[in-house]
Amino acid sequence: METKNMKTYILLFLTAAIWGGAFVAGKIATATLHPVSVAFFRFFGASLILFPLLHWKEPNLPTPTKKDWGVFALLGLTGVFFYNIFFFIATKYAPIVKSSLVIAVNAPLITLLSALFLKEKMNGKSILGMVMALFGAVYIITNGHPFVLIQIGIAPIDLVLVGACFSWSTYSVIGKVAMKKYSPLASTTYATGFGTLFLAPFALHYTSFMSIQASGWDVWLSVLYVAVIVSAISFVWWYNGIQKVGASTASIFINVMPISAAIMGTIFFNEQLKLAHIIGAAFVFGGILFNIYSKQTRFSIQRQ
């Protein structure tokens, strides 16, 4: 394995594991708050942390140009606003199997877009690793019955799921472009700021004083978790990973999310950890290791 990128791989793994925990926090937070309200509080809280941190870490950051502001606005529109709107609609109206598949489909879609627009190269081994990890994620999501997807069929809500996938994939690919000039911290901060502004009008409409008053400490602790850990810290790690190892390699770690969600569900909601979870996890980890190994092999051949 590439020891020089070991820290990056560990952070990408932790990022996906943290995002899996967000499903638990989101389930608690949306018990009294509207999903759009949770999304707004999440990124508003993250902005309160990220902007002072950016000023402290990068005090001499140049003022973005109009083109740069446009890129940051597009990041906020795709990765924060549209993705959250689409995802929350999907979780409300789509079968849980389908809404969970947004996670799994993101990885190959990011890889495809990276190859098309960023010219990131792939080989047969890396593709096989991606397929293995994708199969593992689907196996977990469907509880060991992947053919259930065929039985569910196609419905209009699937267009929303497609929108969610393209939103996050576009966010990840455009982020690579933004980081040619700006750091992962700066890119994440500005994207979060724009996304918060886009969510604000909808939050004003859907948030009531009664819902805020009815929310207990567990709800606000969950909001704090998704704001600080999920949005502020792990988003920076995500973009750092994209910058260091590329969007296609970083995306395969997304498949760790269903594993994390299954473990968190077992801990917090007394859900049963099944054999399907273990088998799926084996495919996910095998696919990730195979993908990383394929990149290491290609790098070694190029050096010879």
Protein backbone atom coordinates (compact mmCIF):
# COMPACT_ATOMS: atom_id res chain seq x y z
CA MET A 1 0.00 0.00 0.00
CA GLU A 2 1.21 3.56 -0.68
CA THR A 3 2.70 4.59 2.67
CA LYS A 4 3.02 8.22 1.58
CA ASN A 5 -0.78 8.42 1.26
CA MET A 6 -1.56 6.28 4.31
CA LYS A 7 -2.73 9.30 6.34
CA THR A 8 -5.00 10.39 3.48
CA TYR A 9 -6.56 6.92 3.23
CA ILE A 10 -7.15 6.80 6.99
CA LEU A 11 -8.84 10.22 6.92
CA LEU A 12 -11.02 9.17 3.97
CA PHE A 13 -12.03 6.03 5.87
CA LEU A 14 -12.86 8.09 8.97
CA THR A 15 -14.81 10.55 6.80
CA ALA A 16 -17.05 7.80 5.39
CA ALA A 17 -17.48 6.28 8.87
CA ILE A 18 -18.50 9.68 10.26
CA TRP A 19 -20.98 10.19 7.42
CA GLY A 20 -22.52 6.82 8.25
CA GLY A 21 -23.11 8.10 11.78
CA ALA A 22 -24.92 11.09 10.30
CA PHE A 23 -27.88 8.83 9.49
CA VAL A 24 -28.33 8.19 13.22
CA ALA A 25 -27.96 11.87 14.08
CA GLY A 26 -30.33 12.85 11.27
CA LYS A 27 -32.96 10.39 12.45
CA ILE A 28 -32.83 11.91 15.94
CA ALA A 29 -32.76 15.54 14.74
CA THR A 30 -35.68 15.19 12.30
CA ALA A 31 -37.91 13.82 15.06
CA THR A 32 -38.94 17.40 15.89
CA LEU A 33 -37.24 19.56 13.26
CA HIS A 34 -38.04 19.67 9.54
CA PRO A 35 -35.27 18.11 7.41
CA VAL A 36 -34.61 21.46 5.69
CA SER A 37 -34.26 23.09 9.12
CA VAL A 38 -31.73 20.44 10.12
CA ALA A 39 -29.80 21.02 6.89
CA PHE A 40 -29.70 24.78 7.48
CA PHE A 41 -28.65 24.54 11.13
CA ARG A 42 -26.06 21.97 10.10
CA PHE A 43 -24.29 24.19 7.59
CA PHE A 44 -24.90 27.44 9.47
CA GLY A 45 -23.13 25.88 12.47
CA ALA A 46 -20.35 24.59 10.23
CA SER A 47 -19.91 28.10 8.75
CA LEU A 48 -19.49 29.59 12.22
CA ILE A 49 -16.55 27.25 12.71
CA LEU A 50 -15.02 27.19 9.24
CA PHE A 51 -14.78 30.93 8.51
CA PRO A 52 -12.85 31.84 11.71
CA LEU A 53 -10.70 28.73 11.21
CA LEU A 54 -9.92 29.76 7.62
CA HIS A 55 -9.00 33.28 8.74
CA TRP A 56 -6.69 31.82 11.39
CA LYS A 57 -5.07 29.16 9.21
CA GLU A 58 -4.81 31.18 5.99
CA PRO A 59 -4.70 34.89 6.95
CA ASN A 60 -3.11 35.89 3.64
CA LEU A 61 -5.65 34.14 1.45
CA PRO A 62 -6.14 36.18 -1.76
CA THR A 63 -9.55 37.68 -2.47
CA PRO A 64 -11.39 35.35 -4.87
CA THR A 65 -12.12 36.64 -8.36
CA LYS A 66 -15.62 36.73 -9.87
CA LYS A 67 -14.88 33.42 -11.57
CA ASP A 68 -13.75 31.92 -8.25
CA TRP A 69 -16.93 33.12 -6.51
CA GLY A 70 -18.91 31.46 -9.29
CA VAL A 71 -17.11 28.15 -8.69
CA PHE A 72 -17.71 28.38 -4.93
CA ALA A 73 -21.37 29.24 -5.48
CA LEU A 74 -21.70 26.20 -7.75
CA LEU A 75 -20.13 24.03 -5.05
CA GLY A 76 -22.59 25.34 -2.47
CA LEU A 77 -25.49 24.87 -4.88
CA THR A 78 -24.63 21.27 -5.77
CA GLY A 79 -23.03 19.74 -2.66
CA VAL A 80 -24.96 21.60 0.03
CA PHE A 81 -28.27 22.91 -1.31
CA PHE A 82 -29.40 20.53 -4.07
CA TYR A 83 -27.90 17.39 -2.55
CA ASN A 84 -29.60 17.96 0.81
CA ILE A 85 -32.95 18.89 -0.73
CA PHE A 86 -32.92 15.86 -3.05
CA PHE A 87 -31.66 13.51 -0.36
CA PHE A 88 -34.24 14.56 2.24
CA ILE A 89 -37.08 14.26 -0.28
CA ALA A 90 -35.82 10.80 -1.20
CA THR A 91 -35.59 9.63 2.40
CA LYS A 92 -39.17 10.81 2.98
CA TYR A 93 -40.88 9.43 -0.13
CA ALA A 94 -38.62 6.71 -1.57
CA PRO A 95 -38.22 3.17 -0.19
CA ILE A 96 -35.27 3.09 2.21
CA VAL A 97 -33.45 0.63 -0.06
CA LYS A 98 -33.55 3.12 -2.92
CA SER A 99 -32.63 6.19 -0.86
CA SER A 100 -29.68 4.30 0.63
CA LEU A 101 -28.45 3.43 -2.85
CA VAL A 102 -27.65 7.11 -3.40
CA ILE A 103 -24.56 6.41 -1.32
CA ALA A 104 -23.42 3.42 -3.35
CA VAL A 105 -24.10 4.96 -6.77
CA ASN A 106 -22.11 8.11 -5.93
CA ALA A 107 -18.79 6.25 -6.05
CA PRO A 108 -18.92 4.95 -9.66
CA LEU A 109 -20.56 8.17 -10.86
CA ILE A 110 -17.74 10.28 -9.39
CA THR A 111 -15.24 7.92 -11.02
CA LEU A 112 -16.98 8.27 -14.39
CA LEU A 113 -17.17 12.07 -14.22
CA SER A 114 -13.54 12.25 -13.06
CA ALA A 115 -12.45 10.21 -16.06
CA LEU A 116 -14.51 12.37 -18.45
CA PHE A 117 -13.75 15.85 -17.13
CA LEU A 118 -10.59 15.54 -15.01
CA LYS A 119 -8.89 12.95 -17.23
CA GLU A 120 -8.15 10.72 -14.23
CA LYS A 121 -6.83 7.42 -15.54
CA MET A 122 -8.22 4.02 -14.59
CA ASN A 123 -7.11 0.46 -15.20
CA GLY A 124 -8.84 -2.90 -15.06
CA LYS A 125 -7.78 -3.60 -11.47
CA SER A 126 -9.09 -0.28 -10.15
CA ILE A 127 -12.41 -0.84 -11.94
CA LEU A 128 -12.65 -4.33 -10.44
CA GLY A 129 -11.96 -2.86 -7.00
CA MET A 130 -14.70 -0.29 -7.49
CA VAL A 131 -17.19 -2.99 -8.58
CA MET A 132 -16.30 -5.13 -5.55
CA ALA A 133 -16.85 -2.24 -3.15
CA LEU A 134 -20.08 -1.24 -4.89
CA PHE A 135 -21.39 -4.81 -4.69
CA GLY A 136 -20.52 -4.93 -0.99
CA ALA A 137 -22.40 -1.69 -0.31
CA VAL A 138 -25.46 -2.88 -2.24
CA TYR A 139 -25.32 -6.23 -0.44
CA ILE A 140 -25.43 -4.46 2.93
CA ILE A 141 -28.19 -2.06 1.91
CA THR A 142 -30.41 -4.84 0.59
CA ASN A 143 -29.68 -7.17 3.54
CA GLY A 144 -28.11 -9.76 1.27
CA HIS A 145 -30.86 -9.68 -1.38
CA PRO A 146 -29.59 -7.41 -4.20
CA PHE A 147 -32.21 -8.73 -6.65
CA VAL A 148 -34.87 -6.92 -4.61
CA LEU A 149 -33.90 -3.82 -6.60
CA ILE A 150 -35.41 -5.38 -9.71
CA GLN A 151 -38.65 -6.14 -7.87
CA ILE A 152 -39.04 -2.55 -6.64
CA GLY A 153 -39.04 -1.21 -10.20
CA ILE A 154 -38.82 2.39 -11.42
CA ALA A 155 -40.91 5.27 -10.03
CA PRO A 156 -41.01 9.08 -10.51
CA ILE A 157 -39.16 9.56 -7.20
CA ASP A 158 -36.16 7.93 -8.86
CA LEU A 159 -35.58 11.22 -10.71
CA VAL A 160 -34.97 12.82 -7.31
CA LEU A 161 -32.47 10.07 -6.48
CA VAL A 162 -30.69 10.69 -9.77
CA GLY A 163 -30.59 14.39 -8.88
CA ALA A 164 -28.99 13.60 -5.52
CA CYS A 165 -26.33 11.43 -7.13
CA PHE A 166 -25.42 13.98 -9.79
CA SER A 167 -25.39 16.81 -7.23
CA TRP A 168 -22.84 15.15 -4.96
CA SER A 169 -20.77 13.80 -7.84
CA THR A 170 -20.66 17.25 -9.47
CA TYR A 171 -19.68 18.79 -6.14
CA SER A 172 -16.79 16.35 -5.78
CA VAL A 173 -15.50 16.84 -9.33
CA ILE A 174 -15.79 20.65 -9.33
CA GLY A 175 -14.02 20.66 -5.96
CA LYS A 176 -10.95 19.20 -7.67
CA VAL A 177 -10.98 22.21 -10.02
CA ALA A 178 -11.35 24.66 -7.12
CA MET A 179 -8.39 23.10 -5.30
CA LYS A 180 -6.01 23.87 -8.14
CA LYS A 181 -5.97 27.36 -6.63
CA TYR A 182 -7.43 27.02 -3.14
CA SER A 183 -6.86 24.68 -0.21
CA PRO A 184 -9.39 22.03 0.88
CA LEU A 185 -10.23 24.23 3.89
CA ALA A 186 -10.90 27.31 1.75
CA SER A 187 -12.95 25.36 -0.82
CA THR A 188 -15.06 23.73 1.89
CA THR A 189 -15.57 26.98 3.78
CA TYR A 190 -16.77 29.03 0.82
CA ALA A 191 -18.96 26.18 -0.47
CA THR A 192 -20.54 25.82 2.98
CA GLY A 193 -21.15 29.57 3.19
CA PHE A 194 -22.94 29.70 -0.16
CA GLY A 195 -24.91 26.56 0.63
CA THR A 196 -26.10 28.08 3.90
CA LEU A 197 -27.30 31.19 2.07
CA PHE A 198 -29.21 29.07 -0.45
CA LEU A 199 -30.87 27.05 2.33
CA ALA A 200 -31.81 30.08 4.48
CA PRO A 201 -35.09 31.09 2.73
CA PHE A 202 -36.39 27.53 2.87
CA ALA A 203 -35.37 27.18 6.51
CA LEU A 204 -37.32 30.34 7.39
CA HIS A 205 -40.39 28.81 5.77
CA TYR A 206 -40.16 25.37 7.37
CA THR A 207 -38.81 26.24 10.82
CA SER A 208 -41.32 27.16 13.52
CA PHE A 209 -40.77 28.41 17.05
CA MET A 210 -42.78 25.45 18.34
CA SER A 211 -40.47 22.93 16.64
CA ILE A 212 -37.42 24.63 18.13
CA GLN A 213 -39.03 24.71 21.55
CA ALA A 214 -40.01 21.03 21.29
CA SER A 215 -36.46 19.96 20.44
CA GLY A 216 -34.60 18.48 23.40
CA TRP A 217 -30.89 18.26 24.13
CA ASP A 218 -30.58 15.05 22.08
CA VAL A 219 -31.85 16.86 18.97
CA TRP A 220 -29.45 19.79 19.35
CA LEU A 221 -26.57 17.46 20.19
CA SER A 222 -27.30 15.64 16.92
CA VAL A 223 -27.38 18.95 15.03
CA LEU A 224 -24.06 19.88 16.67
CA TYR A 225 -22.58 16.56 15.55
CA VAL A 226 -23.60 16.98 11.91
CA ALA A 227 -22.47 20.62 11.94
CA VAL A 228 -19.04 20.21 13.54
CA ILE A 229 -17.96 16.64 12.85
CA VAL A 230 -19.86 15.72 9.69
CA SER A 231 -19.83 19.07 7.86
CA ALA A 232 -16.89 21.12 9.15
CA ILE A 233 -14.22 18.50 9.83
CA SER A 234 -15.03 15.60 7.51
CA PHE A 235 -15.82 17.80 4.48
CA VAL A 236 -12.29 19.24 4.74
CA TRP A 237 -10.90 15.70 4.99
CA TRP A 238 -12.94 14.71 1.92
CA TYR A 239 -11.58 17.51 -0.22
CA ASN A 240 -8.07 16.88 1.12
CA GLY A 241 -8.41 13.28 -0.05
CA ILE A 242 -9.61 14.36 -3.49
CA GLN A 243 -6.66 16.73 -3.75
CA LYS A 244 -4.10 14.09 -2.69
CA VAL A 245 -5.29 10.86 -4.37
CA GLY A 246 -7.91 12.02 -6.88
CA ALA A 247 -11.71 11.99 -6.92
CA SER A 248 -11.99 8.45 -8.32
CA THR A 249 -9.87 6.88 -5.56
CA ALA A 250 -11.48 8.97 -2.81
CA SER A 251 -14.96 8.04 -4.00
CA ILE A 252 -14.50 4.32 -3.36
CA PHE A 253 -14.33 5.03 0.39
CA ILE A 254 -17.97 6.19 0.22
CA ASN A 255 -18.88 2.50 0.33
CA VAL A 256 -17.76 2.41 3.97
CA MET A 257 -20.85 4.46 4.89
CA PRO A 258 -23.38 1.57 4.85
CA ILE A 259 -21.05 -0.41 7.13
CA SER A 260 -20.83 2.48 9.57
CA ALA A 261 -24.59 3.06 9.40
CA ALA A 262 -25.24 -0.63 10.16
CA ILE A 263 -22.90 -0.58 13.17
CA MET A 264 -24.37 2.69 14.45
CA GLY A 265 -27.88 1.30 14.04
CA THR A 266 -26.89 -1.73 16.10
CA ILE A 267 -25.47 0.47 18.87
CA PHE A 268 -28.15 3.17 19.07
CA PHE A 269 -31.34 1.52 17.76
CA ASN A 270 -30.78 -2.12 18.77
CA GLU A 271 -30.83 -3.19 15.13
CA GLN A 272 -29.43 -6.64 14.45
CA LEU A 273 -26.01 -6.99 12.85
CA LYS A 274 -26.53 -9.67 10.20
CA LEU A 275 -24.30 -11.99 8.20
CA ALA A 276 -25.12 -9.88 5.11
CA HIS A 277 -23.41 -6.91 6.78
CA ILE A 278 -20.25 -8.93 7.39
CA ILE A 279 -20.17 -10.35 3.84
CA GLY A 280 -20.83 -6.91 2.35
CA ALA A 281 -18.12 -5.34 4.53
CA ALA A 282 -15.63 -7.93 3.30
CA PHE A 283 -16.37 -6.98 -0.32
CA VAL A 284 -16.15 -3.25 0.48
CA PHE A 285 -12.79 -3.50 2.24
CA GLY A 286 -11.51 -5.92 -0.39
CA GLY A 287 -12.51 -3.51 -3.15
CA ILE A 288 -10.86 -0.55 -1.41
CA LEU A 289 -7.59 -2.43 -0.86
CA PHE A 290 -7.64 -3.76 -4.43
CA ASN A 291 -8.19 -0.24 -5.80
CA ILE A 292 -5.35 1.22 -3.74
CA TYR A 293 -3.04 -1.66 -4.70
CA SER A 294 -3.80 -1.12 -8.38
CA LYS A 295 -2.80 2.55 -8.09
CA GLN A 296 0.42 1.57 -6.29
CA THR A 297 1.28 -1.00 -8.97
CA ARG A 298 0.69 1.51 -11.78
CA PHE A 299 2.82 4.12 -9.99
CA SER A 300 5.66 1.60 -9.55
CA ILE A 301 5.55 0.62 -13.24
CA GLN A 302 5.66 4.29 -14.31
CA ARG A 303 8.77 4.88 -12.18
CA GLN A 304 10.68 1.95 -13.71
